[in-house]
C-alpha atoms as a PDB file:
ATOM      1  CA  UNK A   1     -14.074 -50.100 -39.945  1.00  0.00           C
ATOM      2  CA  UNK A   2     -15.352 -48.897 -36.551  1.00  0.00           C
ATOM      3  CA  UNK A   3     -18.354 -49.808 -34.415  1.00  0.00           C
ATOM      4  CA  UNK A   4     -19.079 -48.148 -31.048  1.00  0.00           C
ATOM      5  CA  UNK A   5     -21.894 -49.280 -28.788  1.00  0.00           C
ATOM      6  CA  UNK A   6     -23.144 -47.873 -25.467  1.00  0.00           C
ATOM      7  CA  UNK A   7     -19.889 -45.984 -24.871  1.00  0.00           C
ATOM      8  CA  UNK A   8     -19.712 -44.125 -21.563  1.00  0.00           C
ATOM      9  CA  UNK A   9     -16.690 -41.973 -20.694  1.00  0.00           C
ATOM     10  CA  UNK A  10     -15.845 -40.105 -17.521  1.00  0.00           C
ATOM     11  CA  UNK A  11     -12.979 -38.878 -15.384  1.00  0.00           C
ATOM     12  CA  UNK A  12     -12.130 -40.332 -11.996  1.00  0.00           C
ATOM     13  CA  UNK A  13     -15.538 -41.568 -10.891  1.00  0.00           C
ATOM     14  CA  UNK A  14     -17.365 -38.302 -11.501  1.00  0.00           C
ATOM     15  CA  UNK A  15     -20.546 -38.086 -13.539  1.00  0.00           C
ATOM     16  CA  UNK A  16     -19.779 -39.273 -17.102  1.00  0.00           C
ATOM     17  CA  UNK A  17     -19.040 -36.559 -19.631  1.00  0.00           C
ATOM     18  CA  UNK A  18     -20.594 -38.718 -22.345  1.00  0.00           C
ATOM     19  CA  UNK A  19     -22.983 -41.666 -22.097  1.00  0.00           C
ATOM     20  CA  UNK A  20     -24.510 -44.441 -24.216  1.00  0.00           C
ATOM     21  CA  UNK A  21     -22.887 -43.365 -27.488  1.00  0.00           C
ATOM     22  CA  UNK A  22     -23.496 -45.487 -30.597  1.00  0.00           C
ATOM     23  CA  UNK A  23     -21.508 -44.734 -33.756  1.00  0.00           C
ATOM     24  CA  UNK A  24     -20.567 -46.606 -36.948  1.00  0.00           C
ATOM     25  CA  UNK A  25     -17.895 -45.685 -39.484  1.00  0.00           C
ATOM     26  CA  UNK A  26     -17.613 -47.557 -42.760  1.00  0.00           C
ATOM     27  CA  UNK A  27     -14.763 -48.136 -45.198  1.00  0.00           C
ATOM     28  CA  UNK A  28     -13.758 -44.934 -47.031  1.00  0.00           C
ATOM     29  CA  UNK A  29     -16.383 -42.961 -45.081  1.00  0.00           C
ATOM     30  CA  UNK A  30     -15.825 -39.461 -43.702  1.00  0.00           C
ATOM     31  CA  UNK A  31     -17.823 -38.820 -40.519  1.00  0.00           C
ATOM     32  CA  UNK A  32     -17.885 -35.884 -38.123  1.00  0.00           C
ATOM     33  CA  UNK A  33     -18.777 -35.709 -34.454  1.00  0.00           C
ATOM     34  CA  UNK A  34     -20.023 -32.196 -33.681  1.00  0.00           C
ATOM     35  CA  UNK A  35     -20.672 -30.789 -30.250  1.00  0.00           C
ATOM     36  CA  UNK A  36     -19.946 -27.997 -27.782  1.00  0.00           C
ATOM     37  CA  UNK A  37     -16.895 -27.864 -25.530  1.00  0.00           C
ATOM     38  CA  UNK A  38     -17.137 -30.383 -22.718  1.00  0.00           C
ATOM     39  CA  UNK A  39     -19.272 -32.870 -24.653  1.00  0.00           C
ATOM     40  CA  UNK A  40     -16.541 -35.538 -24.766  1.00  0.00           C
ATOM     41  CA  UNK A  41     -15.580 -35.334 -28.457  1.00  0.00           C
ATOM     42  CA  UNK A  42     -11.840 -35.625 -27.907  1.00  0.00           C
ATOM     43  CA  UNK A  43     -12.388 -38.330 -25.283  1.00  0.00           C
ATOM     44  CA  UNK A  44     -14.075 -40.481 -27.927  1.00  0.00           C
ATOM     45  CA  UNK A  45     -10.959 -40.266 -30.122  1.00  0.00           C
ATOM     46  CA  UNK A  46      -8.717 -41.059 -27.155  1.00  0.00           C
ATOM     47  CA  UNK A  47     -10.841 -44.100 -26.315  1.00  0.00           C
ATOM     48  CA  UNK A  48     -10.635 -45.370 -29.909  1.00  0.00           C
ATOM     49  CA  UNK A  49      -6.827 -45.196 -29.834  1.00  0.00           C
ATOM     50  CA  UNK A  50      -6.617 -46.796 -26.396  1.00  0.00           C
ATOM     51  CA  UNK A  51      -5.371 -43.651 -24.657  1.00  0.00           C
ATOM     52  CA  UNK A  52      -8.452 -43.508 -22.412  1.00  0.00           C
ATOM     53  CA  UNK A  53     -10.262 -46.408 -20.802  1.00  0.00           C
ATOM     54  CA  UNK A  54     -14.065 -46.275 -21.200  1.00  0.00           C
ATOM     55  CA  UNK A  55     -16.263 -46.566 -18.126  1.00  0.00           C
ATOM     56  CA  UNK A  56     -18.364 -49.018 -20.132  1.00  0.00           C
ATOM     57  CA  UNK A  57     -19.345 -49.926 -23.672  1.00  0.00           C
ATOM     58  CA  UNK A  58     -17.810 -51.528 -26.754  1.00  0.00           C
ATOM     59  CA  UNK A  59     -15.295 -50.195 -29.272  1.00  0.00           C
ATOM     60  CA  UNK A  60     -14.951 -52.696 -32.104  1.00  0.00           C
ATOM     61  CA  UNK A  61     -12.160 -51.860 -34.563  1.00  0.00           C
ATOM     62  CA  UNK A  62     -11.968 -53.651 -37.883  1.00  0.00           C
ATOM     63  CA  UNK A  63      -8.249 -52.852 -38.151  1.00  0.00           C
ATOM     64  CA  UNK A  64      -5.197 -52.987 -35.850  1.00  0.00           C
ATOM     65  CA  UNK A  65      -4.612 -49.823 -33.834  1.00  0.00           C
ATOM     66  CA  UNK A  66      -1.285 -49.461 -35.671  1.00  0.00           C
ATOM     67  CA  UNK A  67      -3.297 -48.567 -38.781  1.00  0.00           C
ATOM     68  CA  UNK A  68      -4.889 -45.535 -37.083  1.00  0.00           C
ATOM     69  CA  UNK A  69      -3.511 -42.037 -37.683  1.00  0.00           C
ATOM     70  CA  UNK A  70      -4.199 -39.152 -35.277  1.00  0.00           C
ATOM     71  CA  UNK A  71      -4.063 -35.521 -36.390  1.00  0.00           C
ATOM     72  CA  UNK A  72      -4.093 -33.199 -33.374  1.00  0.00           C
ATOM     73  CA  UNK A  73      -5.154 -29.568 -33.077  1.00  0.00           C
ATOM     74  CA  UNK A  74      -1.529 -28.617 -32.331  1.00  0.00           C
ATOM     75  CA  UNK A  75       1.011 -29.660 -34.945  1.00  0.00           C
ATOM     76  CA  UNK A  76       3.470 -30.920 -32.254  1.00  0.00           C
ATOM     77  CA  UNK A  77       6.501 -30.700 -34.564  1.00  0.00           C
ATOM     78  CA  UNK A  78       9.951 -31.046 -33.011  1.00  0.00           C
ATOM     79  CA  UNK A  79      11.594 -27.608 -33.319  1.00  0.00           C
ATOM     80  CA  UNK A  80      15.134 -29.029 -33.629  1.00  0.00           C
ATOM     81  CA  UNK A  81      14.202 -31.204 -36.634  1.00  0.00           C
ATOM     82  CA  UNK A  82      13.645 -30.068 -40.205  1.00  0.00           C
ATOM     83  CA  UNK A  83      10.295 -30.433 -41.950  1.00  0.00           C
ATOM     84  CA  UNK A  84      11.661 -33.505 -43.750  1.00  0.00           C
ATOM     85  CA  UNK A  85      12.899 -35.061 -40.503  1.00  0.00           C
ATOM     86  CA  UNK A  86       9.595 -34.325 -38.733  1.00  0.00           C
ATOM     87  CA  UNK A  87       7.604 -35.890 -41.567  1.00  0.00           C
ATOM     88  CA  UNK A  88       9.885 -38.952 -41.434  1.00  0.00           C
ATOM     89  CA  UNK A  89       9.627 -39.403 -37.664  1.00  0.00           C
ATOM     90  CA  UNK A  90       6.741 -41.879 -37.650  1.00  0.00           C
ATOM     91  CA  UNK A  91       8.379 -43.998 -40.336  1.00  0.00           C
ATOM     92  CA  UNK A  92      11.612 -44.121 -38.326  1.00  0.00           C
ATOM     93  CA  UNK A  93       9.687 -45.194 -35.219  1.00  0.00           C
ATOM     94  CA  UNK A  94       8.053 -47.927 -37.308  1.00  0.00           C
ATOM     95  CA  UNK A  95      11.501 -49.254 -38.193  1.00  0.00           C
ATOM     96  CA  UNK A  96      12.201 -47.784 -41.629  1.00  0.00           C
ATOM     97  CA  UNK A  97      15.809 -46.958 -42.418  1.00  0.00           C
ATOM     98  CA  UNK A  98      16.805 -43.305 -42.321  1.00  0.00           C
ATOM     99  CA  UNK A  99      17.101 -43.170 -46.108  1.00  0.00           C
ATOM    100  CA  UNK A 100      13.714 -44.846 -46.674  1.00  0.00           C
ATOM    101  CA  UNK A 101      11.998 -42.618 -44.112  1.00  0.00           C
ATOM    102  CA  UNK A 102      13.423 -39.396 -45.549  1.00  0.00           C
ATOM    103  CA  UNK A 103      12.528 -40.460 -49.085  1.00  0.00           C
ATOM    104  CA  UNK A 104       8.943 -41.238 -48.051  1.00  0.00           C
ATOM    105  CA  UNK A 105       8.702 -37.982 -46.120  1.00  0.00           C
ATOM    106  CA  UNK A 106       9.958 -35.958 -49.080  1.00  0.00           C
ATOM    107  CA  UNK A 107       7.358 -37.554 -51.342  1.00  0.00           C
ATOM    108  CA  UNK A 108       4.520 -36.653 -48.989  1.00  0.00           C
ATOM    109  CA  UNK A 109       5.782 -33.114 -48.507  1.00  0.00           C
ATOM    110  CA  UNK A 110       5.756 -32.704 -52.291  1.00  0.00           C
ATOM    111  CA  UNK A 111       2.190 -34.042 -52.504  1.00  0.00           C
ATOM    112  CA  UNK A 112       1.169 -31.423 -49.953  1.00  0.00           C
ATOM    113  CA  UNK A 113       2.755 -28.542 -51.838  1.00  0.00           C
ATOM    114  CA  UNK A 114       5.945 -28.325 -49.776  1.00  0.00           C
ATOM    115  CA  UNK A 115       8.494 -29.453 -52.372  1.00  0.00           C
ATOM    116  CA  UNK A 116      11.795 -27.693 -51.725  1.00  0.00           C
ATOM    117  CA  UNK A 117      10.911 -26.797 -48.116  1.00  0.00           C
ATOM    118  CA  UNK A 118      12.008 -30.039 -46.472  1.00  0.00           C
ATOM    119  CA  UNK A 119      15.195 -28.492 -45.123  1.00  0.00           C
ATOM    120  CA  UNK A 120      13.429 -25.734 -43.203  1.00  0.00           C
ATOM    121  CA  UNK A 121      12.792 -25.840 -39.476  1.00  0.00           C
ATOM    122  CA  UNK A 122       9.291 -25.316 -38.019  1.00  0.00           C
ATOM    123  CA  UNK A 123      10.146 -21.737 -37.002  1.00  0.00           C
ATOM    124  CA  UNK A 124      10.862 -20.991 -40.677  1.00  0.00           C
ATOM    125  CA  UNK A 125       7.425 -22.170 -41.821  1.00  0.00           C
ATOM    126  CA  UNK A 126       4.010 -20.518 -41.750  1.00  0.00           C
ATOM    127  CA  UNK A 127       1.188 -21.968 -39.678  1.00  0.00           C
ATOM    128  CA  UNK A 128      -0.364 -23.565 -42.749  1.00  0.00           C
ATOM    129  CA  UNK A 129       2.960 -25.063 -43.828  1.00  0.00           C
ATOM    130  CA  UNK A 130       3.576 -26.523 -40.368  1.00  0.00           C
ATOM    131  CA  UNK A 131       0.137 -28.106 -40.468  1.00  0.00           C
ATOM    132  CA  UNK A 132       0.953 -29.676 -43.851  1.00  0.00           C
ATOM    133  CA  UNK A 133       4.138 -31.143 -42.374  1.00  0.00           C
ATOM    134  CA  UNK A 134       2.055 -32.663 -39.561  1.00  0.00           C
ATOM    135  CA  UNK A 135      -0.334 -34.117 -42.157  1.00  0.00           C
ATOM    136  CA  UNK A 136       2.603 -35.550 -44.116  1.00  0.00           C
ATOM    137  CA  UNK A 137       3.932 -37.148 -40.931  1.00  0.00           C
ATOM    138  CA  UNK A 138       0.610 -38.938 -40.355  1.00  0.00           C
ATOM    139  CA  UNK A 139      -0.200 -39.908 -43.944  1.00  0.00           C
ATOM    140  CA  UNK A 140       3.314 -41.241 -44.565  1.00  0.00           C
ATOM    141  CA  UNK A 141       2.327 -44.111 -42.264  1.00  0.00           C
ATOM    142  CA  UNK A 142      -0.488 -45.078 -44.674  1.00  0.00           C
ATOM    143  CA  UNK A 143      -3.281 -45.168 -42.060  1.00  0.00           C
ATOM    144  CA  UNK A 144      -6.588 -46.786 -42.964  1.00  0.00           C
ATOM    145  CA  UNK A 145      -8.436 -44.745 -40.310  1.00  0.00           C
ATOM    146  CA  UNK A 146      -7.630 -41.090 -39.597  1.00  0.00           C
ATOM    147  CA  UNK A 147      -8.840 -39.443 -36.388  1.00  0.00           C
ATOM    148  CA  UNK A 148      -8.794 -35.637 -36.418  1.00  0.00           C
ATOM    149  CA  UNK A 149      -9.237 -33.351 -33.421  1.00  0.00           C
ATOM    150  CA  UNK A 150     -10.095 -29.919 -34.871  1.00  0.00           C
ATOM    151  CA  UNK A 151      -6.764 -29.908 -36.741  1.00  0.00           C
ATOM    152  CA  UNK A 152      -7.269 -26.587 -38.550  1.00  0.00           C
ATOM    153  CA  UNK A 153      -8.887 -24.554 -35.783  1.00  0.00           C
ATOM    154  CA  UNK A 154      -5.833 -22.317 -35.245  1.00  0.00           C
ATOM    155  CA  UNK A 155      -5.467 -21.339 -38.927  1.00  0.00           C
ATOM    156  CA  UNK A 156      -6.949 -18.268 -40.556  1.00  0.00           C
ATOM    157  CA  UNK A 157      -9.942 -18.791 -42.848  1.00  0.00           C
ATOM    158  CA  UNK A 158      -8.114 -18.798 -46.212  1.00  0.00           C
ATOM    159  CA  UNK A 159      -5.273 -21.087 -45.092  1.00  0.00           C
ATOM    160  CA  UNK A 160      -7.768 -23.328 -43.311  1.00  0.00           C
ATOM    161  CA  UNK A 161      -9.851 -23.743 -46.476  1.00  0.00           C
ATOM    162  CA  UNK A 162      -6.787 -24.649 -48.558  1.00  0.00           C
ATOM    163  CA  UNK A 163      -5.438 -27.136 -46.019  1.00  0.00           C
ATOM    164  CA  UNK A 164      -8.864 -28.746 -45.607  1.00  0.00           C
ATOM    165  CA  UNK A 165      -9.286 -29.113 -49.370  1.00  0.00           C
ATOM    166  CA  UNK A 166      -5.842 -30.682 -49.741  1.00  0.00           C
ATOM    167  CA  UNK A 167      -6.551 -33.168 -46.970  1.00  0.00           C
ATOM    168  CA  UNK A 168      -9.996 -33.939 -48.369  1.00  0.00           C
ATOM    169  CA  UNK A 169      -8.478 -34.718 -51.778  1.00  0.00           C
ATOM    170  CA  UNK A 170      -5.782 -36.931 -50.280  1.00  0.00           C
ATOM    171  CA  UNK A 171      -8.048 -39.062 -48.086  1.00  0.00           C
ATOM    172  CA  UNK A 172     -10.379 -39.467 -51.064  1.00  0.00           C
ATOM    173  CA  UNK A 173      -7.561 -40.720 -53.319  1.00  0.00           C
ATOM    174  CA  UNK A 174      -6.027 -42.936 -50.622  1.00  0.00           C
ATOM    175  CA  UNK A 175      -9.375 -44.429 -49.551  1.00  0.00           C
ATOM    176  CA  UNK A 176      -8.895 -43.471 -45.887  1.00  0.00           C
ATOM    177  CA  UNK A 177     -11.793 -43.511 -43.433  1.00  0.00           C
ATOM    178  CA  UNK A 178     -11.980 -40.360 -41.289  1.00  0.00           C
ATOM    179  CA  UNK A 179     -13.599 -39.380 -38.009  1.00  0.00           C
ATOM    180  CA  UNK A 180     -13.377 -35.633 -37.370  1.00  0.00           C
ATOM    181  CA  UNK A 181     -14.386 -33.951 -34.128  1.00  0.00           C
ATOM    182  CA  UNK A 182     -15.294 -30.292 -34.371  1.00  0.00           C
ATOM    183  CA  UNK A 183     -17.575 -27.646 -32.926  1.00  0.00           C
ATOM    184  CA  UNK A 184     -18.105 -26.187 -36.417  1.00  0.00           C
ATOM    185  CA  UNK A 185     -21.293 -27.604 -37.953  1.00  0.00           C
ATOM    186  CA  UNK A 186     -20.701 -25.926 -41.318  1.00  0.00           C
ATOM    187  CA  UNK A 187     -17.253 -27.490 -41.604  1.00  0.00           C
ATOM    188  CA  UNK A 188     -18.691 -30.893 -40.711  1.00  0.00           C
ATOM    189  CA  UNK A 189     -21.402 -30.688 -43.377  1.00  0.00           C
ATOM    190  CA  UNK A 190     -18.922 -29.500 -46.025  1.00  0.00           C
ATOM    191  CA  UNK A 191     -16.500 -32.422 -45.620  1.00  0.00           C
ATOM    192  CA  UNK A 192     -18.532 -35.330 -44.266  1.00  0.00           C
ATOM    193  CA  UNK A 193     -20.646 -38.191 -45.540  1.00  0.00           C
ATOM    194  CA  UNK A 194     -22.452 -38.321 -42.196  1.00  0.00           C
ATOM    195  CA  UNK A 195     -22.634 -35.876 -39.280  1.00  0.00           C
ATOM    196  CA  UNK A 196     -23.336 -36.909 -35.670  1.00  0.00           C
ATOM    197  CA  UNK A 197     -24.480 -34.053 -33.397  1.00  0.00           C
ATOM    198  CA  UNK A 198     -23.754 -34.283 -29.669  1.00  0.00           C
ATOM    199  CA  UNK A 199     -25.612 -32.563 -26.871  1.00  0.00           C
ATOM    200  CA  UNK A 200     -23.774 -30.671 -24.163  1.00  0.00           C
ATOM    201  CA  UNK A 201     -22.288 -32.515 -21.207  1.00  0.00           C
ATOM    202  CA  UNK A 202     -22.358 -33.956 -18.684  1.00  0.00           C
ATOM    203  CA  UNK A 203     -23.783 -37.240 -19.984  1.00  0.00           C
ATOM    204  CA  UNK A 204     -23.642 -35.912 -23.538  1.00  0.00           C
ATOM    205  CA  UNK A 205     -25.428 -38.028 -26.119  1.00  0.00           C
ATOM    206  CA  UNK A 206     -25.997 -38.036 -29.853  1.00  0.00           C
ATOM    207  CA  UNK A 207     -29.023 -35.907 -30.651  1.00  0.00           C
ATOM    208  CA  UNK A 208     -29.090 -36.669 -34.390  1.00  0.00           C
ATOM    209  CA  UNK A 209     -27.140 -38.415 -37.148  1.00  0.00           C
ATOM    210  CA  UNK A 210     -27.641 -37.167 -40.683  1.00  0.00           C
ATOM    211  CA  UNK A 211     -26.222 -38.284 -44.021  1.00  0.00           C
ATOM    212  CA  UNK A 212     -24.902 -35.515 -46.298  1.00  0.00           C
ATOM    213  CA  UNK A 213     -26.171 -36.244 -49.848  1.00  0.00           C
ATOM    214  CA  UNK A 214     -23.471 -34.317 -51.730  1.00  0.00           C
ATOM    215  CA  UNK A 215     -21.471 -36.271 -54.304  1.00  0.00           C
ATOM    216  CA  UNK A 216     -17.703 -36.734 -54.147  1.00  0.00           C
ATOM    217  CA  UNK A 217     -15.142 -35.514 -55.039  1.00  0.00           C
ATOM    218  CA  UNK A 218     -16.003 -32.188 -53.426  1.00  0.00           C
ATOM    219  CA  UNK A 219     -14.746 -28.676 -53.926  1.00  0.00           C
ATOM    220  CA  UNK A 220     -15.360 -26.846 -50.670  1.00  0.00           C
ATOM    221  CA  UNK A 221     -16.208 -23.529 -52.312  1.00  0.00           C
ATOM    222  CA  UNK A 222     -18.771 -25.247 -54.533  1.00  0.00           C
ATOM    223  CA  UNK A 223     -20.190 -27.264 -51.629  1.00  0.00           C
ATOM    224  CA  UNK A 224     -21.116 -24.113 -49.742  1.00  0.00           C
ATOM    225  CA  UNK A 225     -23.368 -23.127 -52.632  1.00  0.00           C
ATOM    226  CA  UNK A 226     -24.991 -26.551 -52.890  1.00  0.00           C
ATOM    227  CA  UNK A 227     -28.757 -26.562 -52.171  1.00  0.00           C
ATOM    228  CA  UNK A 228     -28.295 -29.269 -49.522  1.00  0.00           C
ATOM    229  CA  UNK A 229     -25.735 -27.121 -47.702  1.00  0.00           C
ATOM    230  CA  UNK A 230     -27.575 -23.830 -48.152  1.00  0.00           C
ATOM    231  CA  UNK A 231     -31.228 -24.371 -49.079  1.00  0.00           C
ATOM    232  CA  UNK A 232     -32.797 -21.450 -50.923  1.00  0.00           C
ATOM    233  CA  UNK A 233     -34.548 -18.997 -48.663  1.00  0.00           C
ATOM    234  CA  UNK A 234     -38.313 -19.084 -48.616  1.00  0.00           C
ATOM    235  CA  UNK A 235     -39.896 -16.252 -50.578  1.00  0.00           C
ATOM    236  CA  UNK A 236     -40.889 -13.290 -48.483  1.00  0.00           C
ATOM    237  CA  UNK A 237     -44.585 -12.913 -47.849  1.00  0.00           C
ATOM    238  CA  UNK A 238     -46.181 -10.007 -49.642  1.00  0.00           C
ATOM    239  CA  UNK A 239     -47.615  -7.347 -47.408  1.00  0.00           C
ATOM    240  CA  UNK A 240     -51.395  -7.135 -47.500  1.00  0.00           C
END
């Protein structure tokens, strides 16, 4: 699905923010790239989509770029369009008729628990509902690869957990490959098949890549009690 070799990214001739990155993503695999602010995580996603030109290195995509979906941290919904119209926007840009696009959008809104809310405007929706509309907009395009830039960071903990679980279930059923960038290591372990850990920048690099041996499908609440996620504490030493 995706192969990256010796990727170096910088800005305007300054010292690279990230250097010599190697990363592989397989079919139906969920991977996370974890690192501190300034380590070039978002730049990697931008380079994959062609929005940023690498200083050097190879990005080998096994699919056309049109089959990539991008879920941003901000939902970026158009305030003058309804939830249904926002969810249909990508389909309209792709050339679908208005009726086809709205029908497809309505179906995805229903799958994300927003049945009956398609006529509301973004200002009439909660933060979690707006995020679900943004997800519907992306998934309606049937991407084979989904890039996510900390999409749930602005949500409170309960809403974030629900939205993450819904998305996890959907990408599992649809067979979508995912690359998530986040600074939250616990989140990465909970959702991913493999986690890549970046050092700080400049010239950030991958410090470690680890597979997560937790079976799918996953329930996030159960995952956090899994021994791989939270190994049992060592017994306390008895006092002499």
